[in-house]
Amino acid sequence: MRFGVFLLSALISFNVYAAPVEVLIPKGSGVKSIAQKLYAADVIASPLMFEAWLRVTRNTGALHAGRYTFETEDGMRAAISKMVNGDVTLEQMTIPEGLTVAEVMVKLAADERLTGAMPQGIPEGSLLPETYTFSLGTTRKSLITTMQFDMKNVVDEAWATVDELSPLLSREQMVTLASIIEKETALPREYKTVSGVYTNRLKINMKLQADPTVIYGLEDYDGDIRRKDLRNPHPYNTYVHKGLPPTPIANPGRGALMAAASPAKVPYLYFVADGKGGHVFAKTHNEHKKNVKAYLKALRSRAK
């Protein structure tokens, strides 16, 4: 009997595949089903040998479901060890900066690697944009909880750097300002300057006049902001109301949060797109009008 076990142990140390192999073991799979999947993928040479070794080692009920990557140096014993230990291949999902909670929810709902119902009532600005790793079958609720936990940690880190002369009165106000910064510029090098502009405006009680806040509060936004939109009195319209909007307008990333907490000390009160992906900043309204005129001229030139 001992010789048979020794021979079986020696045989299962060899693999039959020449390149890494990925195999998905669904939840509820029995030993025979798992054996057939591994055999079809050339991870094992014999389903019977696989089942026999599980019985010898008393691991017939110890295999975990999930997606596994079996390397070329893995024999059958190593493959079994991976499944016993639940050494699954981790999945990845990237949540880009500047998405709203609703947009993140759509992304999570559409991802079939996740399971479970979608939680309701997630506050805007509470999910940290980041690349997350998770195992196949992770619940949507669990991943959202991780996003919220990570956001809280980054917010606390950023809030600890806020200057005592800052016009920001709370962490939520900081996140709200960061969300506006995130929507205003896609260039991280501009984050602190844009933050400086809005901080200057807040200090002198000047309207922020941030287009993204107007867009956020519109129910029928079609890609163009019209004059009537700028006059729309919805609570998020910073062309109508002074100060920050009542909540964040998106989920800001670490860079925007740090910029909101520690803005650049700049003399600017205005900025406009430069037509090249960035912005031109100005101290006075007259200077700003010239920059706007140059921008519109460039747009007309490209249209022709």
Protein backbone atom coordinates (compact mmCIF):
# COMPACT_ATOMS: atom_id res chain seq x y z
CA MET A 1 0.00 0.00 0.00
CA ARG A 2 2.83 2.38 0.90
CA PHE A 3 4.52 1.68 -2.42
CA GLY A 4 1.27 2.49 -4.26
CA VAL A 5 0.96 5.80 -2.48
CA PHE A 6 4.63 6.56 -3.17
CA LEU A 7 4.18 5.76 -6.87
CA LEU A 8 1.02 7.86 -7.07
CA SER A 9 2.86 10.72 -5.34
CA ALA A 10 5.69 10.52 -7.84
CA LEU A 11 3.37 10.43 -10.84
CA ILE A 12 1.36 13.48 -9.85
CA SER A 13 4.52 15.59 -9.53
CA PHE A 14 4.77 15.83 -13.30
CA ASN A 15 2.76 18.20 -15.49
CA VAL A 16 1.53 17.71 -19.03
CA TYR A 17 1.32 21.31 -20.26
CA ALA A 18 4.02 23.54 -21.74
CA ALA A 19 2.58 26.99 -21.08
CA PRO A 20 0.60 28.66 -18.26
CA VAL A 21 -3.01 27.47 -18.27
CA GLU A 22 -6.03 29.32 -16.87
CA VAL A 23 -8.99 27.30 -15.60
CA LEU A 24 -12.26 28.53 -14.09
CA ILE A 25 -13.75 26.35 -11.37
CA PRO A 26 -17.38 27.44 -10.80
CA LYS A 27 -18.93 27.43 -7.34
CA GLY A 28 -20.51 24.11 -6.43
CA SER A 29 -18.29 22.05 -8.75
CA GLY A 30 -17.78 18.44 -7.64
CA VAL A 31 -14.49 16.54 -7.74
CA LYS A 32 -15.37 14.73 -10.97
CA SER A 33 -16.35 17.99 -12.68
CA ILE A 34 -13.12 19.67 -11.54
CA ALA A 35 -11.08 16.69 -12.69
CA GLN A 36 -12.64 16.82 -16.15
CA LYS A 37 -11.99 20.56 -16.46
CA LEU A 38 -8.34 20.15 -15.49
CA TYR A 39 -7.95 17.18 -17.81
CA ALA A 40 -9.49 19.09 -20.73
CA ALA A 41 -7.03 21.92 -20.10
CA ASP A 42 -4.08 19.47 -19.94
CA VAL A 43 -3.35 20.42 -16.33
CA ILE A 44 -3.63 16.75 -15.29
CA ALA A 45 -2.91 13.57 -17.19
CA SER A 46 -5.58 11.46 -15.54
CA PRO A 47 -8.87 12.33 -13.82
CA LEU A 48 -8.75 8.99 -11.98
CA MET A 49 -5.28 9.71 -10.63
CA PHE A 50 -6.43 13.19 -9.57
CA GLU A 51 -9.42 11.79 -7.69
CA ALA A 52 -7.33 9.05 -6.13
CA TRP A 53 -4.79 11.52 -4.73
CA LEU A 54 -7.56 13.68 -3.27
CA ARG A 55 -8.91 10.62 -1.45
CA VAL A 56 -5.46 9.64 -0.20
CA THR A 57 -4.81 13.16 1.12
CA ARG A 58 -8.43 13.56 2.36
CA ASN A 59 -8.93 16.72 0.30
CA THR A 60 -12.00 15.69 -1.69
CA GLY A 61 -14.08 18.48 -0.14
CA ALA A 62 -11.35 21.08 0.24
CA LEU A 63 -11.06 22.51 -3.28
CA HIS A 64 -12.03 26.18 -3.65
CA ALA A 65 -13.89 27.65 -6.59
CA GLY A 66 -12.35 30.48 -8.60
CA ARG A 67 -10.11 31.26 -11.55
CA TYR A 68 -6.68 29.59 -11.35
CA THR A 69 -3.50 30.04 -13.34
CA PHE A 70 -1.35 26.92 -13.42
CA GLU A 71 2.28 27.61 -14.27
CA THR A 72 4.49 25.35 -16.37
CA GLU A 73 6.43 24.20 -13.29
CA ASP A 74 3.23 23.09 -11.53
CA GLY A 75 2.58 19.36 -11.43
CA MET A 76 -0.73 17.85 -10.38
CA ARG A 77 0.28 18.08 -6.70
CA ALA A 78 1.01 21.81 -7.03
CA ALA A 79 -2.28 22.33 -8.88
CA ILE A 80 -4.20 20.58 -6.08
CA SER A 81 -2.32 22.61 -3.47
CA LYS A 82 -3.38 25.84 -5.21
CA MET A 83 -7.03 24.83 -5.15
CA VAL A 84 -6.88 23.62 -1.53
CA ASN A 85 -5.31 26.93 -0.45
CA GLY A 86 -7.65 29.00 -2.63
CA ASP A 87 -4.66 30.55 -4.43
CA VAL A 88 -6.90 32.03 -7.10
CA THR A 89 -5.89 34.42 -9.87
CA LEU A 90 -6.97 37.89 -8.82
CA GLU A 91 -9.18 39.95 -11.09
CA GLN A 92 -8.67 43.68 -11.68
CA MET A 93 -11.01 46.61 -12.23
CA THR A 94 -10.04 50.24 -12.76
CA ILE A 95 -12.40 53.00 -11.65
CA PRO A 96 -11.32 56.17 -13.50
CA GLU A 97 -11.18 59.54 -11.75
CA GLY A 98 -14.20 61.79 -12.18
CA LEU A 99 -16.97 59.21 -12.59
CA THR A 100 -20.19 59.85 -10.71
CA VAL A 101 -21.53 57.23 -8.32
CA ALA A 102 -24.24 56.40 -10.89
CA GLU A 103 -21.58 55.76 -13.54
CA VAL A 104 -19.59 53.52 -11.18
CA MET A 105 -22.76 51.59 -10.37
CA VAL A 106 -23.37 50.94 -14.07
CA LYS A 107 -19.80 49.66 -14.43
CA LEU A 108 -20.13 47.31 -11.46
CA ALA A 109 -23.56 46.05 -12.51
CA ALA A 110 -22.27 45.13 -15.96
CA ASP A 111 -19.22 43.21 -14.67
CA GLU A 112 -20.12 39.50 -14.60
CA ARG A 113 -17.09 38.65 -12.46
CA LEU A 114 -18.93 40.22 -9.52
CA THR A 115 -21.96 38.81 -7.75
CA GLY A 116 -24.82 40.05 -5.61
CA ALA A 117 -27.21 42.95 -5.65
CA MET A 118 -26.14 46.56 -6.01
CA PRO A 119 -26.29 48.57 -2.77
CA GLN A 120 -28.47 51.67 -2.84
CA GLY A 121 -27.95 55.15 -1.46
CA ILE A 122 -24.20 55.44 -2.01
CA PRO A 123 -23.24 59.11 -1.36
CA GLU A 124 -21.68 61.03 -4.24
CA GLY A 125 -17.93 61.36 -3.91
CA SER A 126 -17.53 58.44 -1.50
CA LEU A 127 -15.80 55.96 -3.88
CA LEU A 128 -12.06 56.22 -4.46
CA PRO A 129 -11.04 55.96 -8.14
CA GLU A 130 -8.35 53.29 -8.20
CA THR A 131 -7.41 49.91 -9.68
CA TYR A 132 -8.90 47.23 -7.44
CA THR A 133 -7.98 43.55 -7.24
CA PHE A 134 -10.55 40.98 -6.20
CA SER A 135 -11.30 37.29 -6.53
CA LEU A 136 -13.88 35.98 -8.95
CA GLY A 137 -17.32 36.00 -7.35
CA THR A 138 -16.62 38.91 -4.99
CA THR A 139 -19.87 40.68 -4.16
CA ARG A 140 -20.56 44.16 -5.49
CA LYS A 141 -21.35 45.27 -1.95
CA SER A 142 -17.95 44.09 -0.73
CA LEU A 143 -16.08 45.92 -3.50
CA ILE A 144 -18.04 49.12 -2.88
CA THR A 145 -17.23 48.86 0.83
CA THR A 146 -13.54 48.64 -0.07
CA MET A 147 -13.83 51.71 -2.31
CA GLN A 148 -15.50 53.67 0.48
CA PHE A 149 -12.92 52.57 3.05
CA ASP A 150 -10.06 53.60 0.76
CA MET A 151 -11.72 56.95 0.03
CA LYS A 152 -12.09 57.68 3.74
CA ASN A 153 -8.40 56.99 4.31
CA VAL A 154 -7.29 59.29 1.47
CA VAL A 155 -9.73 62.02 2.57
CA ASP A 156 -8.37 61.84 6.12
CA GLU A 157 -4.82 62.03 4.76
CA ALA A 158 -5.63 65.06 2.61
CA TRP A 159 -7.64 66.82 5.35
CA ALA A 160 -4.62 66.61 7.66
CA THR A 161 -2.74 68.93 5.26
CA VAL A 162 -5.41 71.66 5.03
CA ASP A 163 -4.10 75.08 6.01
CA GLU A 164 -5.84 76.82 8.91
CA LEU A 165 -6.59 79.79 6.61
CA SER A 166 -8.40 77.58 4.11
CA PRO A 167 -12.03 78.52 3.35
CA LEU A 168 -12.92 74.82 3.50
CA LEU A 169 -14.97 74.05 6.60
CA SER A 170 -15.24 70.27 6.42
CA ARG A 171 -13.96 67.12 4.78
CA GLU A 172 -17.07 67.01 2.59
CA GLN A 173 -16.36 70.53 1.31
CA MET A 174 -12.83 69.41 0.47
CA VAL A 175 -14.17 66.41 -1.45
CA THR A 176 -16.66 68.68 -3.22
CA LEU A 177 -13.92 71.07 -4.33
CA ALA A 178 -11.77 68.11 -5.40
CA SER A 179 -14.63 66.75 -7.51
CA ILE A 180 -14.93 70.09 -9.33
CA ILE A 181 -11.15 70.15 -9.93
CA GLU A 182 -11.34 66.60 -11.27
CA LYS A 183 -14.06 67.53 -13.75
CA GLU A 184 -12.42 70.80 -14.82
CA THR A 185 -9.04 69.43 -15.91
CA ALA A 186 -7.64 66.12 -17.05
CA LEU A 187 -4.07 67.29 -16.43
CA PRO A 188 -2.69 66.44 -12.98
CA ARG A 189 -0.13 69.23 -13.34
CA GLU A 190 -3.03 71.72 -13.33
CA TYR A 191 -4.83 70.37 -10.27
CA LYS A 192 -3.20 72.69 -7.73
CA THR A 193 -3.54 75.76 -9.96
CA VAL A 194 -7.24 75.14 -10.62
CA SER A 195 -7.65 74.55 -6.89
CA GLY A 196 -5.88 77.87 -6.27
CA VAL A 197 -8.33 79.70 -8.56
CA TYR A 198 -11.40 78.32 -6.80
CA THR A 199 -9.89 78.80 -3.36
CA ASN A 200 -9.24 82.47 -4.21
CA ARG A 201 -12.84 82.86 -5.30
CA LEU A 202 -14.17 81.22 -2.14
CA LYS A 203 -12.08 83.54 0.01
CA ILE A 204 -13.59 86.68 -1.54
CA ASN A 205 -17.12 85.24 -1.75
CA MET A 206 -17.02 85.26 -5.56
CA LYS A 207 -19.20 82.80 -7.49
CA LEU A 208 -17.23 79.75 -8.65
CA GLN A 209 -18.96 79.67 -12.05
CA ALA A 210 -17.82 76.11 -12.68
CA ASP A 211 -19.42 74.55 -15.76
CA PRO A 212 -19.28 70.97 -14.38
CA THR A 213 -21.55 71.96 -11.50
CA VAL A 214 -24.10 73.29 -13.98
CA ILE A 215 -23.96 70.04 -15.95
CA TYR A 216 -24.32 67.87 -12.85
CA GLY A 217 -27.63 69.46 -11.92
CA LEU A 218 -29.20 69.28 -15.39
CA GLU A 219 -31.62 66.48 -16.19
CA ASP A 220 -31.46 66.92 -19.97
CA TYR A 221 -27.80 67.78 -20.64
CA ASP A 222 -26.98 66.96 -24.28
CA GLY A 223 -23.32 67.98 -24.45
CA ASP A 224 -23.82 71.75 -24.80
CA ILE A 225 -24.25 74.34 -22.07
CA ARG A 226 -26.70 77.06 -23.12
CA ARG A 227 -27.36 80.46 -21.57
CA LYS A 228 -30.61 79.17 -20.08
CA ASP A 229 -28.59 76.44 -18.37
CA LEU A 230 -26.33 79.03 -16.74
CA ARG A 231 -29.45 80.70 -15.34
CA ASN A 232 -31.05 77.45 -14.16
CA PRO A 233 -31.48 77.85 -10.38
CA HIS A 234 -30.85 74.21 -9.48
CA PRO A 235 -28.82 73.82 -6.24
CA TYR A 236 -25.59 72.83 -8.02
CA ASN A 237 -25.42 75.83 -10.35
CA THR A 238 -22.43 77.86 -9.16
CA TYR A 239 -23.28 80.56 -11.72
CA VAL A 240 -26.39 81.26 -9.66
CA HIS A 241 -25.35 80.34 -6.11
CA LYS A 242 -22.22 81.42 -4.26
CA GLY A 243 -19.97 78.95 -2.54
CA LEU A 244 -19.59 75.23 -3.11
CA PRO A 245 -22.50 73.05 -4.29
CA PRO A 246 -24.30 70.99 -1.62
CA THR A 247 -22.44 67.73 -2.38
CA PRO A 248 -19.57 66.49 -4.54
CA ILE A 249 -20.36 66.16 -8.25
CA ALA A 250 -18.15 63.12 -8.90
CA ASN A 251 -15.63 60.81 -7.28
CA PRO A 252 -12.26 62.62 -7.18
CA GLY A 253 -8.93 60.80 -7.12
CA ARG A 254 -6.02 61.21 -4.75
CA GLY A 255 -4.35 63.94 -6.83
CA ALA A 256 -7.42 66.18 -6.90
CA LEU A 257 -8.05 65.62 -3.19
CA MET A 258 -4.51 66.63 -2.28
CA ALA A 259 -4.82 69.68 -4.56
CA ALA A 260 -8.08 70.74 -2.90
CA ALA A 261 -6.43 70.47 0.49
CA SER A 262 -3.23 72.27 -0.56
CA PRO A 263 -3.91 74.62 -3.50
CA ALA A 264 -1.16 76.48 -5.29
CA LYS A 265 -0.71 80.04 -4.03
CA VAL A 266 -1.51 81.79 -7.31
CA PRO A 267 -2.95 85.24 -8.09
CA TYR A 268 -5.46 83.89 -10.62
CA LEU A 269 -9.24 84.22 -10.52
CA TYR A 270 -10.04 83.00 -14.03
CA PHE A 271 -9.14 80.26 -16.49
CA VAL A 272 -10.31 79.05 -19.87
CA ALA A 273 -9.41 76.11 -22.11
CA ASP A 274 -6.42 76.65 -24.38
CA GLY A 275 -7.73 74.30 -27.09
CA LYS A 276 -4.81 71.91 -26.54
CA GLY A 277 -6.10 70.00 -23.54
CA GLY A 278 -4.96 72.49 -20.93
CA HIS A 279 -5.97 75.92 -19.65
CA VAL A 280 -4.86 79.55 -19.70
CA PHE A 281 -5.05 81.37 -16.36
CA ALA A 282 -5.66 85.07 -15.74
CA LYS A 283 -5.57 87.54 -12.84
CA THR A 284 -8.13 90.04 -14.16
CA HIS A 285 -11.41 89.83 -16.02
CA ASN A 286 -10.03 91.88 -18.93
CA GLU A 287 -7.13 89.48 -19.30
CA HIS A 288 -9.55 86.58 -19.10
CA LYS A 289 -11.76 88.07 -21.84
CA LYS A 290 -8.73 88.24 -24.14
CA ASN A 291 -7.97 84.58 -23.41
CA VAL A 292 -11.57 83.61 -24.13
CA LYS A 293 -11.51 85.55 -27.38
CA ALA A 294 -8.29 83.80 -28.45
CA TYR A 295 -9.82 80.43 -27.58
CA LEU A 296 -13.00 81.09 -29.59
CA LYS A 297 -10.93 82.31 -32.54
CA ALA A 298 -8.91 79.08 -32.45
CA LEU A 299 -12.13 77.05 -32.37
CA ARG A 300 -13.56 78.87 -35.40
CA SER A 301 -10.29 78.42 -37.25
CA ARG A 302 -10.33 74.67 -36.66
CA ALA A 303 -14.01 74.46 -37.66
CA LYS A 304 -13.20 76.03 -41.04
